[in-house]
Amino acid sequence: MTECVLAENVGPDQTSDFTGNRNDAPVIRHDWTIEQIETIHNLPLLDLIGRANAIHQAHHEPDEIQKAGLLSIKTGRCPEDCAYCPQSAHHKEVELNASNLMDPASVVRMAERAKEVGAERFCMGAAWRQVRDGKEFDAVLEMVRGVRDLGMEACVTLGMLQPHQAEQLAEAGLTAYNHNLDSSPEFYDKIITTRTYQDRLETLSHVRQAGLDMCCGGIIGMGESVTDRASMLQVLAGFDPHPESVPINVLVPVGGTPLANQPRVDPFDLVRMVATARITMPRAKVRLSAGRSGLSTEMQVLCMTAGANSMFYGETLLTTPNADMGADVELFEVLAGKPKTDHTTA
């Protein structure tokens, strides 16, 4: 067994142990302190990436990247006031084509198309504050069953859940429920006032109790500090078990939202978050999510070297742009070691 010492001032009882053999049981921690996580985050960059990559290779096949499609099945008119989100009904100046819930047959056709281009998981998002029983929820259950019948993993994000609704989703075959923390407990109320942090934790508890995988991450670039980022990772790493999927989103400023003028995130900040998430949650899938369209191929490969092994695949993430398909084909050719091909179109 090999021990990964994360920093000179992080003592032996504060290390993340890992084995060089993927078949050996890892030592998984749930007791990280904010200070320890911040120390990891602030390591010299090459040291941080090297340590994260060693842990990644100990617990994952290094060349496996999960591709997930994402579709907005109900867009806009959300009663929440999330400062980053163009779907909020509070942000009157945002230009957005709101829509009602899609019909299940159309959603399943979209999932089939996503599968044809390589997606293994299909994620569906509805701009709701909370799930309400009735025809619309029944339609979502039908969508889940349809996606699973295609042989794909199915994930939904629908807002807050009650226990019986989580159970119904599990019975329909849902693989995972996405419910992000967004930020740290300390910074949260500067971004959202219509839903508490505890509300989020309760929904995640219902997800776990129903036996569903937890897809839970957050957003960087909203004005939070590095300490806030470490605090958010502490909450995530404190779940037992850790979330199966941890999306790391970069704010995409949208005109008309309160965060429209936020400066763009330095891509190396994303690399640091990916690496720190990998070290603190060795077995989770760490997903490149919103903001990937602003990354070069080289920077995405660096994120994967640092431990990212999942990505949203497709040209739109709910209501914000994602990398185009040609760029993604090129990315996967690079990762596979194939000769570079010109994927531009006339």
Protein backbone atom coordinates (compact mmCIF):
# COMPACT_ATOMS: atom_id res chain seq x y z
CA MET A 1 0.00 0.00 0.00
CA THR A 2 1.19 3.49 -0.86
CA GLU A 3 0.44 6.57 1.18
CA CYS A 4 -0.25 9.88 -0.51
CA VAL A 5 0.96 12.69 1.78
CA LEU A 6 -0.81 15.79 0.56
CA ALA A 7 1.37 18.51 2.04
CA GLU A 8 4.26 18.85 4.44
CA ASN A 9 2.00 20.51 7.02
CA VAL A 10 -0.71 17.86 6.71
CA GLY A 11 0.09 15.20 9.28
CA PRO A 12 -0.07 11.41 8.89
CA ASP A 13 -3.60 11.33 10.34
CA GLN A 14 -4.69 13.81 7.69
CA THR A 15 -3.61 11.94 4.57
CA SER A 16 -5.64 10.25 1.87
CA ASP A 17 -4.42 6.66 1.58
CA PHE A 18 -4.76 4.85 -1.71
CA THR A 19 -3.55 1.64 -3.21
CA GLY A 20 -1.84 1.10 -6.52
CA ASN A 21 -4.15 -1.83 -7.22
CA ARG A 22 -7.69 -0.95 -8.31
CA ASN A 23 -8.94 -4.18 -6.78
CA ASP A 24 -7.75 -3.22 -3.30
CA ALA A 25 -10.17 -1.43 -1.00
CA PRO A 26 -9.37 2.29 -0.75
CA VAL A 27 -9.29 4.23 2.47
CA ILE A 28 -12.14 6.68 2.05
CA ARG A 29 -12.39 9.66 4.39
CA HIS A 30 -15.45 11.62 5.45
CA ASP A 31 -13.76 13.74 8.12
CA TRP A 32 -11.86 16.34 6.10
CA THR A 33 -11.65 19.80 7.65
CA ILE A 34 -12.03 22.96 5.59
CA GLU A 35 -8.44 23.88 6.44
CA GLN A 36 -7.10 20.54 5.18
CA ILE A 37 -9.03 20.83 1.92
CA GLU A 38 -7.87 24.40 1.41
CA THR A 39 -4.27 23.28 1.99
CA ILE A 40 -4.69 20.63 -0.69
CA HIS A 41 -6.31 23.11 -3.09
CA ASN A 42 -3.42 25.55 -2.68
CA LEU A 43 -0.58 23.08 -3.28
CA PRO A 44 1.83 23.97 -6.09
CA LEU A 45 -0.12 23.17 -9.23
CA LEU A 46 2.06 20.38 -10.64
CA ASP A 47 2.29 18.75 -7.22
CA LEU A 48 -1.49 18.91 -6.83
CA ILE A 49 -2.15 17.45 -10.28
CA GLY A 50 0.39 14.68 -9.73
CA ARG A 51 -1.13 13.62 -6.43
CA ALA A 52 -4.67 13.75 -7.83
CA ASN A 53 -3.66 11.74 -10.88
CA ALA A 54 -2.08 9.03 -8.73
CA ILE A 55 -5.30 8.68 -6.72
CA HIS A 56 -7.36 8.74 -9.91
CA GLN A 57 -5.36 5.93 -11.50
CA ALA A 58 -5.58 3.88 -8.31
CA HIS A 59 -9.37 3.86 -8.38
CA HIS A 60 -10.40 4.38 -12.01
CA GLU A 61 -9.43 3.25 -15.47
CA PRO A 62 -7.49 6.33 -16.61
CA ASP A 63 -8.85 6.30 -20.16
CA GLU A 64 -12.55 5.92 -19.27
CA ILE A 65 -14.57 9.13 -19.63
CA GLN A 66 -18.32 8.91 -19.12
CA LYS A 67 -20.35 10.88 -21.67
CA ALA A 68 -23.68 12.25 -20.46
CA GLY A 69 -26.34 13.93 -22.57
CA LEU A 70 -28.45 16.67 -20.98
CA LEU A 71 -31.88 17.95 -22.00
CA SER A 72 -34.09 20.67 -20.55
CA ILE A 73 -37.47 18.99 -20.43
CA LYS A 74 -39.19 22.07 -18.96
CA THR A 75 -37.57 25.47 -19.38
CA GLY A 76 -37.97 28.77 -17.52
CA ARG A 77 -40.54 30.36 -15.19
CA CYS A 78 -38.82 28.88 -12.13
CA PRO A 79 -39.92 30.54 -8.86
CA GLU A 80 -36.43 30.23 -7.34
CA ASP A 81 -34.18 33.33 -7.36
CA CYS A 82 -30.80 31.66 -8.02
CA ALA A 83 -28.56 34.56 -9.03
CA TYR A 84 -26.72 32.53 -11.68
CA CYS A 85 -29.73 31.03 -13.43
CA PRO A 86 -31.41 32.43 -16.56
CA GLN A 87 -34.45 30.21 -15.89
CA SER A 88 -35.49 32.16 -12.79
CA ALA A 89 -38.77 34.06 -13.11
CA HIS A 90 -37.19 36.77 -10.93
CA HIS A 91 -34.76 37.82 -13.68
CA LYS A 92 -37.10 39.71 -15.96
CA GLU A 93 -34.42 40.98 -18.35
CA VAL A 94 -33.17 37.56 -19.39
CA GLU A 95 -34.02 36.57 -22.94
CA LEU A 96 -35.24 32.99 -22.70
CA ASN A 97 -37.75 30.89 -24.56
CA ALA A 98 -39.74 29.34 -21.75
CA SER A 99 -41.54 26.07 -22.44
CA ASN A 100 -43.86 23.61 -20.77
CA LEU A 101 -42.92 20.03 -19.96
CA MET A 102 -42.00 18.04 -23.06
CA ASP A 103 -43.95 14.91 -23.94
CA PRO A 104 -42.24 11.64 -22.99
CA ALA A 105 -42.02 10.27 -26.53
CA SER A 106 -40.06 13.33 -27.70
CA VAL A 107 -37.68 13.07 -24.76
CA VAL A 108 -36.99 9.40 -25.42
CA ARG A 109 -36.27 10.19 -29.08
CA MET A 110 -33.74 12.80 -27.94
CA ALA A 111 -32.17 10.25 -25.62
CA GLU A 112 -31.92 7.79 -28.50
CA ARG A 113 -30.10 10.40 -30.58
CA ALA A 114 -27.72 11.08 -27.69
CA LYS A 115 -26.98 7.37 -27.44
CA GLU A 116 -26.26 7.18 -31.16
CA VAL A 117 -23.48 9.78 -30.81
CA GLY A 118 -21.93 8.08 -27.81
CA ALA A 119 -23.73 9.19 -24.64
CA GLU A 120 -24.03 6.57 -21.93
CA ARG A 121 -26.14 8.58 -19.48
CA PHE A 122 -29.10 10.84 -20.27
CA CYS A 123 -29.89 13.64 -17.85
CA MET A 124 -33.21 15.51 -17.83
CA GLY A 125 -33.78 18.82 -16.09
CA ALA A 126 -37.04 20.59 -15.27
CA ALA A 127 -37.11 24.16 -13.97
CA TRP A 128 -39.24 23.42 -10.92
CA ARG A 129 -38.83 24.49 -7.32
CA GLN A 130 -40.13 21.13 -6.19
CA VAL A 131 -41.75 18.03 -7.61
CA ARG A 132 -45.55 17.96 -7.46
CA ASP A 133 -47.56 14.77 -7.74
CA GLY A 134 -49.81 14.53 -10.76
CA LYS A 135 -49.71 14.26 -14.53
CA GLU A 136 -46.38 16.05 -14.98
CA PHE A 137 -44.55 13.87 -12.48
CA ASP A 138 -46.16 10.80 -14.04
CA ALA A 139 -44.80 11.98 -17.40
CA VAL A 140 -41.29 12.26 -15.93
CA LEU A 141 -41.58 8.70 -14.63
CA GLU A 142 -42.50 7.61 -18.15
CA MET A 143 -39.43 9.43 -19.51
CA VAL A 144 -37.21 7.63 -17.02
CA ARG A 145 -38.61 4.24 -17.99
CA GLY A 146 -38.15 5.08 -21.67
CA VAL A 147 -34.51 6.10 -21.25
CA ARG A 148 -33.74 2.98 -19.22
CA ASP A 149 -35.34 0.84 -21.91
CA LEU A 150 -32.69 2.21 -24.28
CA GLY A 151 -30.01 0.70 -22.07
CA MET A 152 -28.82 4.12 -20.85
CA GLU A 153 -28.37 5.44 -17.35
CA ALA A 154 -31.07 7.98 -16.46
CA CYS A 155 -30.63 11.05 -14.27
CA VAL A 156 -33.09 13.83 -13.48
CA THR A 157 -32.96 17.17 -11.70
CA LEU A 158 -36.41 18.38 -10.70
CA GLY A 159 -35.90 20.48 -7.57
CA MET A 160 -36.89 19.38 -4.09
CA LEU A 161 -38.28 15.88 -3.54
CA GLN A 162 -40.45 14.18 -0.97
CA PRO A 163 -39.53 10.64 0.16
CA HIS A 164 -42.38 8.94 -1.72
CA GLN A 165 -41.39 10.73 -4.93
CA ALA A 166 -37.79 9.56 -4.62
CA GLU A 167 -39.10 6.02 -4.14
CA GLN A 168 -41.29 6.30 -7.25
CA LEU A 169 -38.31 7.48 -9.29
CA ALA A 170 -36.29 4.53 -8.03
CA GLU A 171 -39.10 2.14 -8.93
CA ALA A 172 -39.17 3.61 -12.44
CA GLY A 173 -35.49 2.71 -12.80
CA LEU A 174 -33.83 6.08 -12.25
CA THR A 175 -30.07 5.77 -11.90
CA ALA A 176 -29.25 9.06 -10.22
CA TYR A 177 -30.80 12.27 -8.95
CA ASN A 178 -28.96 15.56 -9.44
CA HIS A 179 -29.32 18.15 -6.73
CA ASN A 180 -26.33 20.47 -6.46
CA LEU A 181 -25.24 22.29 -3.32
CA ASP A 182 -24.19 25.20 -5.57
CA SER A 183 -21.77 26.66 -3.02
CA SER A 184 -20.69 26.56 0.61
CA PRO A 185 -23.14 26.90 3.51
CA GLU A 186 -21.48 30.23 4.33
CA PHE A 187 -21.85 31.74 0.83
CA TYR A 188 -25.15 30.15 -0.14
CA ASP A 189 -27.54 32.92 0.95
CA LYS A 190 -25.66 35.43 -1.19
CA ILE A 191 -26.79 33.47 -4.24
CA ILE A 192 -30.19 32.01 -3.30
CA THR A 193 -32.83 33.19 -0.83
CA THR A 194 -35.87 31.15 -1.86
CA ARG A 195 -34.52 27.78 -0.70
CA THR A 196 -32.29 27.00 2.28
CA TYR A 197 -29.19 24.85 2.41
CA GLN A 198 -31.07 22.52 4.73
CA ASP A 199 -33.77 22.12 2.05
CA ARG A 200 -31.09 20.81 -0.28
CA LEU A 201 -29.67 18.44 2.30
CA GLU A 202 -33.12 17.02 3.03
CA THR A 203 -33.75 16.24 -0.63
CA LEU A 204 -30.36 14.54 -0.84
CA SER A 205 -31.29 12.48 2.20
CA HIS A 206 -34.48 11.33 0.47
CA VAL A 207 -32.42 10.40 -2.61
CA ARG A 208 -30.09 8.27 -0.53
CA GLN A 209 -32.91 6.59 1.39
CA ALA A 210 -34.54 5.56 -1.90
CA GLY A 211 -31.31 3.87 -3.00
CA LEU A 212 -30.62 6.29 -5.85
CA ASP A 213 -27.15 7.45 -6.82
CA MET A 214 -26.43 11.01 -5.74
CA CYS A 215 -25.23 13.48 -8.37
CA CYS A 216 -24.18 16.54 -6.41
CA GLY A 217 -21.64 19.29 -6.98
CA GLY A 218 -21.48 23.03 -7.27
CA ILE A 219 -20.48 26.15 -9.16
CA ILE A 220 -17.31 28.23 -9.02
CA GLY A 221 -16.94 31.81 -10.18
CA MET A 222 -19.91 33.41 -8.39
CA GLY A 223 -17.75 35.63 -6.18
CA GLU A 224 -17.00 32.99 -3.54
CA SER A 225 -13.60 32.62 -1.85
CA VAL A 226 -11.24 29.64 -2.00
CA THR A 227 -12.35 28.91 1.57
CA ASP A 228 -15.95 28.73 0.33
CA ARG A 229 -14.90 26.27 -2.36
CA ALA A 230 -13.12 24.14 0.24
CA SER A 231 -16.17 24.33 2.50
CA MET A 232 -18.44 23.06 -0.29
CA LEU A 233 -16.08 20.14 -0.94
CA GLN A 234 -16.05 19.39 2.78
CA VAL A 235 -19.83 19.01 2.75
CA LEU A 236 -19.68 16.78 -0.33
CA ALA A 237 -16.87 14.63 1.07
CA GLY A 238 -18.76 14.36 4.36
CA PHE A 239 -21.55 12.34 2.75
CA ASP A 240 -21.26 8.64 3.50
CA PRO A 241 -20.99 7.26 0.90
CA HIS A 242 -19.59 10.08 -1.21
CA PRO A 243 -21.73 11.27 -4.13
CA GLU A 244 -21.35 8.90 -7.04
CA SER A 245 -21.09 11.90 -9.37
CA VAL A 246 -19.67 15.35 -8.58
CA PRO A 247 -20.31 17.98 -11.29
CA ILE A 248 -17.91 20.93 -11.14
CA ASN A 249 -19.61 23.82 -12.91
CA VAL A 250 -18.00 27.09 -13.94
CA LEU A 251 -20.31 30.09 -13.93
CA VAL A 252 -21.44 31.09 -17.41
CA PRO A 253 -22.51 34.73 -16.92
CA VAL A 254 -25.86 35.37 -18.61
CA GLY A 255 -27.15 38.85 -19.43
CA GLY A 256 -30.05 39.89 -17.22
CA THR A 257 -28.99 37.79 -14.24
CA PRO A 258 -27.43 39.34 -11.10
CA LEU A 259 -24.12 37.64 -11.94
CA ALA A 260 -24.01 38.84 -15.55
CA ASN A 261 -20.88 40.92 -14.94
CA GLN A 262 -18.88 38.39 -12.95
CA PRO A 263 -15.34 38.00 -14.32
CA ARG A 264 -14.56 34.78 -16.10
CA VAL A 265 -13.01 32.03 -14.01
CA ASP A 266 -9.31 31.33 -14.55
CA PRO A 267 -9.24 27.82 -16.08
CA PHE A 268 -6.54 26.80 -13.62
CA ASP A 269 -9.05 27.42 -10.82
CA LEU A 270 -11.18 24.68 -12.38
CA VAL A 271 -8.18 22.36 -12.57
CA ARG A 272 -7.54 22.93 -8.86
CA MET A 273 -11.17 22.18 -7.99
CA VAL A 274 -11.17 18.99 -10.06
CA ALA A 275 -7.94 17.80 -8.47
CA THR A 276 -9.10 18.62 -4.94
CA ALA A 277 -12.43 16.87 -5.53
CA ARG A 278 -10.56 13.81 -6.81
CA ILE A 279 -8.30 13.67 -3.75
CA THR A 280 -11.12 14.10 -1.25
CA MET A 281 -13.59 11.81 -3.07
CA PRO A 282 -11.42 9.16 -4.75
CA ARG A 283 -14.17 6.96 -6.18
CA ALA A 284 -16.62 9.60 -7.40
CA LYS A 285 -17.03 10.49 -11.03
CA VAL A 286 -15.86 14.11 -11.27
CA ARG A 287 -17.75 15.75 -14.10
CA LEU A 288 -16.81 18.70 -16.29
CA SER A 289 -20.11 20.52 -16.58
CA ALA A 290 -21.18 24.11 -17.32
CA GLY A 291 -18.36 26.26 -18.62
CA ARG A 292 -16.62 23.50 -20.58
CA SER A 293 -17.34 25.35 -23.84
CA GLY A 294 -14.82 28.00 -22.77
CA LEU A 295 -12.00 25.50 -22.32
CA SER A 296 -9.41 24.60 -24.93
CA THR A 297 -8.78 20.95 -25.76
CA GLU A 298 -5.50 21.22 -23.89
CA MET A 299 -7.18 22.56 -20.73
CA GLN A 300 -9.81 19.82 -20.81
CA VAL A 301 -7.07 17.20 -21.05
CA LEU A 302 -5.36 18.83 -18.06
CA CYS A 303 -8.63 18.60 -16.10
CA MET A 304 -8.83 14.90 -16.97
CA THR A 305 -5.22 14.43 -15.91
CA ALA A 306 -6.25 16.01 -12.60
CA GLY A 307 -9.07 13.49 -12.15
CA ALA A 308 -12.11 14.47 -14.22
CA ASN A 309 -13.68 11.36 -15.77
CA SER A 310 -17.16 12.44 -16.81
CA MET A 311 -18.49 15.21 -19.02
CA PHE A 312 -21.70 16.55 -20.46
CA TYR A 313 -21.75 15.70 -24.12
CA GLY A 314 -23.86 17.77 -26.50
CA GLU A 315 -24.13 21.36 -27.62
CA THR A 316 -26.49 22.72 -24.94
CA LEU A 317 -26.55 22.36 -21.15
CA LEU A 318 -30.14 23.21 -20.22
CA THR A 319 -29.93 26.84 -21.38
CA THR A 320 -26.18 27.51 -21.72
CA PRO A 321 -23.83 26.47 -24.54
CA ASN A 322 -21.60 23.44 -24.33
CA ALA A 323 -18.66 22.40 -26.52
CA ASP A 324 -19.73 21.58 -30.08
CA MET A 325 -19.71 18.01 -31.31
CA GLY A 326 -16.80 18.55 -33.70
CA ALA A 327 -14.63 19.79 -30.86
CA ASP A 328 -15.62 16.81 -28.73
CA VAL A 329 -14.78 14.36 -31.51
CA GLU A 330 -11.36 16.00 -31.72
CA LEU A 331 -10.97 15.82 -27.94
CA PHE A 332 -11.64 12.07 -27.84
CA GLU A 333 -9.30 11.48 -30.77
CA VAL A 334 -6.58 13.28 -28.81
CA LEU A 335 -7.31 11.18 -25.72
CA ALA A 336 -7.19 7.99 -27.79
CA GLY A 337 -3.88 8.95 -29.40
CA LYS A 338 -5.34 9.11 -32.91
CA PRO A 339 -3.92 11.45 -35.60
CA LYS A 340 -5.60 14.83 -35.52
CA THR A 341 -8.40 15.23 -38.07
CA ASP A 342 -9.90 18.43 -39.42
CA HIS A 343 -13.51 18.47 -38.17
CA THR A 344 -14.43 21.90 -39.47
CA THR A 345 -17.38 22.17 -41.82
CA ALA A 346 -17.90 24.53 -44.75
